[in-house]
Amino acid sequence: MNIKMNHIDGTNKGNVALYALSTCQWCMKTKALLNQLNIEYSYIDVDLADEKDQDEIVEEIKKYNPACSFPTIVVDDNYSIIGFDEEKIRERFK
């Protein structure tokens, strides 16, 4: 996928990608928690991407989350956390 994602500096805990929506309160909570935990991650607000790019992003998300719900966190292309699950996020990045 060649979509430009926003990068947030922090502690490297693997390749962390967050797929979010700009208007989603759970997505905002997820970003805030990752920031609070000082996790390095990249994210994209899918609703703000070009329509052509949105299709490509949705196909990428479906590999990890067939329901394509938000937020979706993908770690190292092999582990995903679906939705705002504070306990799972804290456990994964402790």
C-alpha atoms as a PDB file:
ATOM      1  CA  MET A   1       0.000   0.000   0.000  1.00  0.00           C
ATOM      2  CA  ASN A   2       1.440   3.366  -1.012  1.00  0.00           C
ATOM      3  CA  ILE A   3      -0.888   5.598   0.983  1.00  0.00           C
ATOM      4  CA  LYS A   4       0.792   8.396   2.944  1.00  0.00           C
ATOM      5  CA  MET A   5       0.143   7.898   6.635  1.00  0.00           C
ATOM      6  CA  ASN A   6       0.764  10.413   9.417  1.00  0.00           C
ATOM      7  CA  HIS A   7       3.619   9.458  11.720  1.00  0.00           C
ATOM      8  CA  ILE A   8       3.711   9.953  15.490  1.00  0.00           C
ATOM      9  CA  ASP A   9       7.060   9.600  17.240  1.00  0.00           C
ATOM     10  CA  GLY A  10       7.370   7.573  20.406  1.00  0.00           C
ATOM     11  CA  THR A  11       8.758   4.294  21.704  1.00  0.00           C
ATOM     12  CA  ASN A  12       9.115   1.727  18.929  1.00  0.00           C
ATOM     13  CA  LYS A  13       6.920  -1.272  19.776  1.00  0.00           C
ATOM     14  CA  GLY A  14       6.884  -2.678  16.247  1.00  0.00           C
ATOM     15  CA  ASN A  15       5.268  -1.415  13.079  1.00  0.00           C
ATOM     16  CA  VAL A  16       2.000   0.035  14.447  1.00  0.00           C
ATOM     17  CA  ALA A  17      -0.641   1.263  11.986  1.00  0.00           C
ATOM     18  CA  LEU A  18      -3.932   2.815  13.062  1.00  0.00           C
ATOM     19  CA  TYR A  19      -6.847   3.061  10.651  1.00  0.00           C
ATOM     20  CA  ALA A  20      -9.308   5.623  11.966  1.00  0.00           C
ATOM     21  CA  LEU A  21     -12.060   8.081  11.082  1.00  0.00           C
ATOM     22  CA  SER A  22     -11.597  11.769  11.855  1.00  0.00           C
ATOM     23  CA  THR A  23     -15.053  12.065  13.449  1.00  0.00           C
ATOM     24  CA  CYS A  24     -15.004   8.824  15.481  1.00  0.00           C
ATOM     25  CA  GLN A  25     -14.807   9.327  19.257  1.00  0.00           C
ATOM     26  CA  TRP A  26     -13.352   5.807  19.750  1.00  0.00           C
ATOM     27  CA  CYS A  27     -10.663   6.546  17.169  1.00  0.00           C
ATOM     28  CA  MET A  28      -9.808   9.773  19.017  1.00  0.00           C
ATOM     29  CA  LYS A  29      -9.629   7.835  22.307  1.00  0.00           C
ATOM     30  CA  THR A  30      -7.316   5.283  20.668  1.00  0.00           C
ATOM     31  CA  LYS A  31      -4.965   8.004  19.385  1.00  0.00           C
ATOM     32  CA  ALA A  32      -4.980   9.661  22.814  1.00  0.00           C
ATOM     33  CA  LEU A  33      -4.147   6.357  24.536  1.00  0.00           C
ATOM     34  CA  LEU A  34      -1.315   5.553  22.107  1.00  0.00           C
ATOM     35  CA  ASN A  35       0.043   9.066  22.690  1.00  0.00           C
ATOM     36  CA  GLN A  36      -0.309   8.694  26.474  1.00  0.00           C
ATOM     37  CA  LEU A  37       1.607   5.383  26.288  1.00  0.00           C
ATOM     38  CA  ASN A  38       4.241   7.126  24.115  1.00  0.00           C
ATOM     39  CA  ILE A  39       3.902   4.543  21.319  1.00  0.00           C
ATOM     40  CA  GLU A  40       5.396   5.245  17.889  1.00  0.00           C
ATOM     41  CA  TYR A  41       2.687   4.712  15.270  1.00  0.00           C
ATOM     42  CA  SER A  42       1.383   5.744  11.890  1.00  0.00           C
ATOM     43  CA  TYR A  43      -2.251   6.523  11.248  1.00  0.00           C
ATOM     44  CA  ILE A  44      -4.653   7.565   8.570  1.00  0.00           C
ATOM     45  CA  ASP A  45      -8.101   9.079   8.914  1.00  0.00           C
ATOM     46  CA  VAL A  46      -9.732   7.055   6.164  1.00  0.00           C
ATOM     47  CA  ASP A  47     -12.620   9.494   5.683  1.00  0.00           C
ATOM     48  CA  LEU A  48     -10.125  12.266   4.818  1.00  0.00           C
ATOM     49  CA  ALA A  49      -8.304  10.242   2.143  1.00  0.00           C
ATOM     50  CA  ASP A  50      -9.038  10.588  -1.578  1.00  0.00           C
ATOM     51  CA  GLU A  51     -11.884   8.383  -2.740  1.00  0.00           C
ATOM     52  CA  LYS A  52      -9.512   6.313  -4.904  1.00  0.00           C
ATOM     53  CA  ASP A  53      -7.203   5.803  -1.912  1.00  0.00           C
ATOM     54  CA  GLN A  54     -10.138   4.936   0.370  1.00  0.00           C
ATOM     55  CA  ASP A  55     -10.894   1.831  -1.703  1.00  0.00           C
ATOM     56  CA  GLU A  56      -7.281   0.658  -1.383  1.00  0.00           C
ATOM     57  CA  ILE A  57      -7.239   1.380   2.370  1.00  0.00           C
ATOM     58  CA  VAL A  58     -10.513  -0.501   2.945  1.00  0.00           C
ATOM     59  CA  GLU A  59      -9.090  -3.562   1.157  1.00  0.00           C
ATOM     60  CA  GLU A  60      -6.009  -3.367   3.409  1.00  0.00           C
ATOM     61  CA  ILE A  61      -8.142  -3.108   6.572  1.00  0.00           C
ATOM     62  CA  LYS A  62     -10.287  -6.090   5.503  1.00  0.00           C
ATOM     63  CA  LYS A  63      -7.185  -8.324   5.626  1.00  0.00           C
ATOM     64  CA  TYR A  64      -7.132  -7.827   9.408  1.00  0.00           C
ATOM     65  CA  ASN A  65     -10.715  -6.823  10.139  1.00  0.00           C
ATOM     66  CA  PRO A  66     -13.263  -8.241   7.654  1.00  0.00           C
ATOM     67  CA  ALA A  67     -15.981  -6.014   9.151  1.00  0.00           C
ATOM     68  CA  CYS A  68     -13.834  -2.970   8.326  1.00  0.00           C
ATOM     69  CA  SER A  69     -14.825  -1.173  11.519  1.00  0.00           C
ATOM     70  CA  PHE A  70     -12.926   1.630  13.214  1.00  0.00           C
ATOM     71  CA  PRO A  71     -10.543   2.006  14.862  1.00  0.00           C
ATOM     72  CA  THR A  72      -8.381  -0.863  13.639  1.00  0.00           C
ATOM     73  CA  ILE A  73      -4.803  -1.168  14.913  1.00  0.00           C
ATOM     74  CA  VAL A  74      -2.441  -3.460  13.010  1.00  0.00           C
ATOM     75  CA  VAL A  75       0.909  -4.411  14.578  1.00  0.00           C
ATOM     76  CA  ASP A  76       3.720  -5.877  12.450  1.00  0.00           C
ATOM     77  CA  ASP A  77       1.199  -6.912   9.757  1.00  0.00           C
ATOM     78  CA  ASN A  78       0.170  -9.946  11.845  1.00  0.00           C
ATOM     79  CA  TYR A  79      -1.725  -8.796  14.956  1.00  0.00           C
ATOM     80  CA  SER A  80      -4.775  -6.567  15.134  1.00  0.00           C
ATOM     81  CA  ILE A  81      -6.856  -4.852  17.770  1.00  0.00           C
ATOM     82  CA  ILE A  82     -10.374  -4.008  16.631  1.00  0.00           C
ATOM     83  CA  GLY A  83     -12.212  -1.115  18.252  1.00  0.00           C
ATOM     84  CA  PHE A  84     -11.166   0.840  21.327  1.00  0.00           C
ATOM     85  CA  ASP A  85     -10.087  -1.937  23.681  1.00  0.00           C
ATOM     86  CA  GLU A  86      -8.031  -0.123  26.309  1.00  0.00           C
ATOM     87  CA  GLU A  87      -7.102  -3.318  28.146  1.00  0.00           C
ATOM     88  CA  LYS A  88      -5.827  -5.048  24.983  1.00  0.00           C
ATOM     89  CA  ILE A  89      -3.927  -1.923  23.883  1.00  0.00           C
ATOM     90  CA  ARG A  90      -2.257  -1.485  27.274  1.00  0.00           C
ATOM     91  CA  GLU A  91      -1.401  -5.213  27.409  1.00  0.00           C
ATOM     92  CA  ARG A  92       0.056  -5.250  23.889  1.00  0.00           C
ATOM     93  CA  PHE A  93       2.257  -2.195  24.429  1.00  0.00           C
ATOM     94  CA  LYS A  94       3.333  -2.539  28.056  1.00  0.00           C
END
